[in-house]
Amino acid sequence: MQLWLVVPALGILSVVAEQLDLTVVYEPGEDGWVIASIPEVAGVFSQGRTREEARANVIDALRLMLSPEPSGEHDQREREALHLTIAA
């Protein structure tokens, strides 16, 4: 079975394995902040005062990026729900 990852806002469409492994990258920011990003998904990054806070914030950013776009009244595209669980 193939799963498709679609991020309409970014025009990304790709086939992914049944298991999707992502990496959180941490970098030092200004004034002691920690910058976190997920390079496998363009545009997913955040920051926090601690590594734990940065991790929680970047996971929230990932959820937001992968949230379904609202369908309009005249949207006739077929949709299928995909359940993605984030676990560490």
N, C-alpha and C. Protein backbone atom coordinates (compact mmCIF):
# COMPACT_ATOMS: atom_id res chain seq x y z
N MET A 1 0.84 -1.17 0.00
CA MET A 1 0.00 0.00 0.00
C MET A 1 0.88 1.24 0.00
N GLN A 2 0.57 2.19 -0.83
CA GLN A 2 1.30 3.45 -0.86
C GLN A 2 0.46 4.54 -0.24
N LEU A 3 1.12 5.40 0.51
CA LEU A 3 0.46 6.56 1.09
C LEU A 3 1.01 7.79 0.39
N TRP A 4 0.16 8.77 0.17
CA TRP A 4 0.56 10.02 -0.48
C TRP A 4 0.56 11.12 0.55
N LEU A 5 1.61 11.89 0.59
CA LEU A 5 1.68 13.07 1.44
C LEU A 5 1.42 14.27 0.54
N VAL A 6 0.36 15.02 0.85
CA VAL A 6 -0.01 16.17 0.05
C VAL A 6 -0.03 17.40 0.95
N VAL A 7 0.72 18.41 0.56
CA VAL A 7 0.70 19.69 1.26
C VAL A 7 0.34 20.75 0.21
N PRO A 8 -0.98 20.98 0.03
CA PRO A 8 -1.44 21.87 -1.04
C PRO A 8 -0.83 23.26 -1.00
N ALA A 9 -0.68 23.82 0.18
CA ALA A 9 -0.17 25.18 0.28
C ALA A 9 1.24 25.29 -0.30
N LEU A 10 1.98 24.18 -0.27
CA LEU A 10 3.35 24.20 -0.77
C LEU A 10 3.48 23.49 -2.11
N GLY A 11 2.40 22.91 -2.61
CA GLY A 11 2.46 22.20 -3.88
C GLY A 11 3.27 20.93 -3.80
N ILE A 12 3.29 20.28 -2.65
CA ILE A 12 4.08 19.07 -2.46
C ILE A 12 3.17 17.86 -2.57
N LEU A 13 3.57 16.91 -3.37
CA LEU A 13 2.85 15.65 -3.52
C LEU A 13 3.91 14.57 -3.63
N SER A 14 3.94 13.64 -2.69
CA SER A 14 4.95 12.59 -2.76
C SER A 14 4.43 11.30 -2.15
N VAL A 15 5.01 10.19 -2.60
CA VAL A 15 4.68 8.88 -2.06
C VAL A 15 5.55 8.66 -0.83
N VAL A 16 4.94 8.18 0.24
CA VAL A 16 5.69 7.88 1.45
C VAL A 16 5.43 6.44 1.86
N ALA A 17 6.34 5.88 2.59
CA ALA A 17 6.19 4.51 3.08
C ALA A 17 5.09 4.47 4.12
N GLU A 18 4.68 3.27 4.51
CA GLU A 18 3.65 3.15 5.55
C GLU A 18 4.11 3.75 6.86
N GLN A 19 5.41 3.74 7.10
CA GLN A 19 5.97 4.39 8.28
C GLN A 19 6.74 5.60 7.81
N LEU A 20 6.46 6.73 8.40
CA LEU A 20 7.11 7.97 8.01
C LEU A 20 8.00 8.42 9.17
N ASP A 21 9.30 8.39 8.95
CA ASP A 21 10.26 8.81 9.97
C ASP A 21 10.71 10.23 9.67
N LEU A 22 10.56 11.10 10.66
CA LEU A 22 10.96 12.49 10.54
C LEU A 22 12.04 12.79 11.57
N THR A 23 12.80 13.84 11.33
CA THR A 23 13.89 14.23 12.22
C THR A 23 13.65 15.64 12.72
N VAL A 24 13.80 15.83 14.03
CA VAL A 24 13.78 17.18 14.58
C VAL A 24 15.24 17.63 14.72
N VAL A 25 15.56 18.76 14.12
CA VAL A 25 16.90 19.32 14.17
C VAL A 25 16.87 20.51 15.11
N TYR A 26 17.81 20.54 16.05
CA TYR A 26 17.90 21.63 17.03
C TYR A 26 19.14 22.48 16.74
N GLU A 27 18.97 23.79 16.82
CA GLU A 27 20.08 24.73 16.61
C GLU A 27 19.99 25.82 17.67
N PRO A 28 21.12 26.34 18.07
CA PRO A 28 21.06 27.46 19.02
C PRO A 28 20.56 28.72 18.32
N GLY A 29 19.69 29.44 18.99
CA GLY A 29 19.18 30.70 18.47
C GLY A 29 19.73 31.86 19.26
N GLU A 30 19.21 33.03 18.99
CA GLU A 30 19.66 34.23 19.69
C GLU A 30 19.12 34.26 21.12
N ASP A 31 19.86 34.88 21.99
CA ASP A 31 19.44 35.09 23.39
C ASP A 31 19.08 33.80 24.11
N GLY A 32 19.74 32.70 23.76
CA GLY A 32 19.52 31.44 24.47
C GLY A 32 18.35 30.61 23.99
N TRP A 33 17.62 31.05 22.97
CA TRP A 33 16.50 30.29 22.43
C TRP A 33 17.02 29.07 21.67
N VAL A 34 16.19 28.06 21.58
CA VAL A 34 16.50 26.85 20.81
C VAL A 34 15.59 26.83 19.59
N ILE A 35 16.17 26.71 18.40
CA ILE A 35 15.42 26.64 17.15
C ILE A 35 15.26 25.17 16.79
N ALA A 36 14.06 24.76 16.46
CA ALA A 36 13.78 23.38 16.05
C ALA A 36 13.12 23.38 14.68
N SER A 37 13.53 22.43 13.85
CA SER A 37 12.92 22.30 12.52
C SER A 37 12.79 20.83 12.17
N ILE A 38 11.93 20.55 11.19
CA ILE A 38 11.76 19.20 10.65
C ILE A 38 12.07 19.32 9.16
N PRO A 39 13.30 19.03 8.76
CA PRO A 39 13.72 19.29 7.38
C PRO A 39 12.97 18.48 6.32
N GLU A 40 12.39 17.36 6.69
CA GLU A 40 11.66 16.55 5.72
C GLU A 40 10.36 17.22 5.27
N VAL A 41 9.88 18.20 6.04
CA VAL A 41 8.65 18.92 5.70
C VAL A 41 8.99 20.41 5.65
N ALA A 42 9.10 20.92 4.45
CA ALA A 42 9.51 22.32 4.26
C ALA A 42 8.60 23.28 5.02
N GLY A 43 9.21 24.23 5.69
CA GLY A 43 8.44 25.26 6.38
C GLY A 43 8.05 24.93 7.80
N VAL A 44 8.43 23.76 8.29
CA VAL A 44 8.09 23.39 9.67
C VAL A 44 9.27 23.72 10.58
N PHE A 45 9.12 24.78 11.33
CA PHE A 45 10.14 25.17 12.29
C PHE A 45 9.49 25.99 13.39
N SER A 46 10.16 26.04 14.54
CA SER A 46 9.66 26.83 15.66
C SER A 46 10.83 27.06 16.61
N GLN A 47 10.51 27.57 17.78
CA GLN A 47 11.56 27.83 18.77
C GLN A 47 10.99 27.68 20.16
N GLY A 48 11.87 27.62 21.14
CA GLY A 48 11.47 27.54 22.54
C GLY A 48 12.62 27.95 23.42
N ARG A 49 12.32 28.23 24.66
CA ARG A 49 13.38 28.60 25.61
C ARG A 49 14.22 27.39 26.00
N THR A 50 13.62 26.19 25.90
CA THR A 50 14.34 24.95 26.19
C THR A 50 14.17 24.00 25.01
N ARG A 51 14.97 22.94 24.98
CA ARG A 51 14.85 21.93 23.92
C ARG A 51 13.46 21.29 23.95
N GLU A 52 12.96 21.01 25.15
CA GLU A 52 11.64 20.39 25.29
C GLU A 52 10.53 21.30 24.76
N GLU A 53 10.62 22.59 25.07
CA GLU A 53 9.63 23.54 24.58
C GLU A 53 9.72 23.69 23.06
N ALA A 54 10.94 23.74 22.53
CA ALA A 54 11.13 23.83 21.09
C ALA A 54 10.56 22.60 20.39
N ARG A 55 10.76 21.42 20.99
CA ARG A 55 10.22 20.17 20.42
C ARG A 55 8.70 20.21 20.38
N ALA A 56 8.08 20.59 21.49
CA ALA A 56 6.62 20.67 21.54
C ALA A 56 6.10 21.68 20.51
N ASN A 57 6.78 22.81 20.38
CA ASN A 57 6.34 23.84 19.44
C ASN A 57 6.50 23.42 17.99
N VAL A 58 7.58 22.70 17.67
CA VAL A 58 7.77 22.26 16.28
C VAL A 58 6.78 21.16 15.92
N ILE A 59 6.39 20.34 16.88
CA ILE A 59 5.36 19.33 16.62
C ILE A 59 4.02 20.02 16.37
N ASP A 60 3.73 21.09 17.11
CA ASP A 60 2.52 21.87 16.84
C ASP A 60 2.57 22.47 15.43
N ALA A 61 3.75 22.96 15.03
CA ALA A 61 3.91 23.52 13.69
C ALA A 61 3.69 22.44 12.63
N LEU A 62 4.16 21.23 12.88
CA LEU A 62 3.95 20.12 11.95
C LEU A 62 2.46 19.79 11.84
N ARG A 63 1.77 19.75 12.96
CA ARG A 63 0.32 19.49 12.94
C ARG A 63 -0.40 20.55 12.13
N LEU A 64 -0.03 21.80 12.33
CA LEU A 64 -0.66 22.90 11.59
C LEU A 64 -0.39 22.77 10.09
N MET A 65 0.84 22.45 9.73
CA MET A 65 1.20 22.33 8.32
C MET A 65 0.44 21.18 7.65
N LEU A 66 0.21 20.11 8.40
CA LEU A 66 -0.46 18.94 7.83
C LEU A 66 -1.96 18.94 8.05
N SER A 67 -2.50 19.99 8.65
CA SER A 67 -3.94 20.08 8.87
C SER A 67 -4.67 20.15 7.53
N PRO A 68 -5.82 19.51 7.45
CA PRO A 68 -6.55 19.56 6.19
C PRO A 68 -7.04 20.96 5.88
N GLU A 69 -6.99 21.31 4.62
CA GLU A 69 -7.51 22.60 4.20
C GLU A 69 -9.03 22.52 4.23
N PRO A 70 -9.69 23.58 4.63
CA PRO A 70 -11.15 23.55 4.65
C PRO A 70 -11.71 23.43 3.23
N SER A 71 -12.75 22.64 3.12
CA SER A 71 -13.37 22.51 1.79
C SER A 71 -14.46 23.56 1.65
N GLY A 72 -14.49 24.17 0.48
CA GLY A 72 -15.49 25.18 0.19
C GLY A 72 -16.79 24.55 -0.28
N GLU A 73 -17.80 25.35 -0.39
CA GLU A 73 -19.12 24.89 -0.80
C GLU A 73 -19.09 24.23 -2.18
N HIS A 74 -18.24 24.72 -3.08
CA HIS A 74 -18.19 24.21 -4.45
C HIS A 74 -17.02 23.27 -4.68
N ASP A 75 -16.35 22.86 -3.61
CA ASP A 75 -15.21 21.96 -3.73
C ASP A 75 -15.73 20.54 -3.99
N GLN A 76 -15.45 20.02 -5.17
CA GLN A 76 -15.94 18.70 -5.57
C GLN A 76 -14.85 17.63 -5.51
N ARG A 77 -13.68 17.97 -4.98
CA ARG A 77 -12.60 17.00 -4.92
C ARG A 77 -12.92 15.89 -3.94
N GLU A 78 -12.54 14.67 -4.29
CA GLU A 78 -12.72 13.52 -3.41
C GLU A 78 -11.70 13.61 -2.28
N ARG A 79 -12.13 13.31 -1.07
CA ARG A 79 -11.23 13.37 0.09
C ARG A 79 -11.25 12.04 0.82
N GLU A 80 -10.11 11.70 1.38
CA GLU A 80 -9.97 10.50 2.19
C GLU A 80 -9.19 10.87 3.45
N ALA A 81 -9.70 10.53 4.60
CA ALA A 81 -9.03 10.85 5.85
C ALA A 81 -7.80 9.97 6.01
N LEU A 82 -6.73 10.55 6.53
CA LEU A 82 -5.50 9.84 6.84
C LEU A 82 -5.15 10.13 8.26
N HIS A 83 -5.02 9.09 9.08
CA HIS A 83 -4.70 9.27 10.49
C HIS A 83 -3.19 9.15 10.65
N LEU A 84 -2.56 10.19 11.14
CA LEU A 84 -1.13 10.22 11.37
C LEU A 84 -0.89 10.42 12.86
N THR A 85 -0.19 9.48 13.50
CA THR A 85 0.10 9.58 14.91
C THR A 85 1.54 9.99 15.11
N ILE A 86 1.76 11.00 15.91
CA ILE A 86 3.12 11.47 16.21
C ILE A 86 3.55 10.85 17.53
N ALA A 87 4.60 10.06 17.47
CA ALA A 87 5.11 9.40 18.66
C ALA A 87 6.63 9.50 18.65
N ALA A 88 7.21 9.46 19.83
CA ALA A 88 8.68 9.52 19.90
C ALA A 88 9.22 8.27 20.55
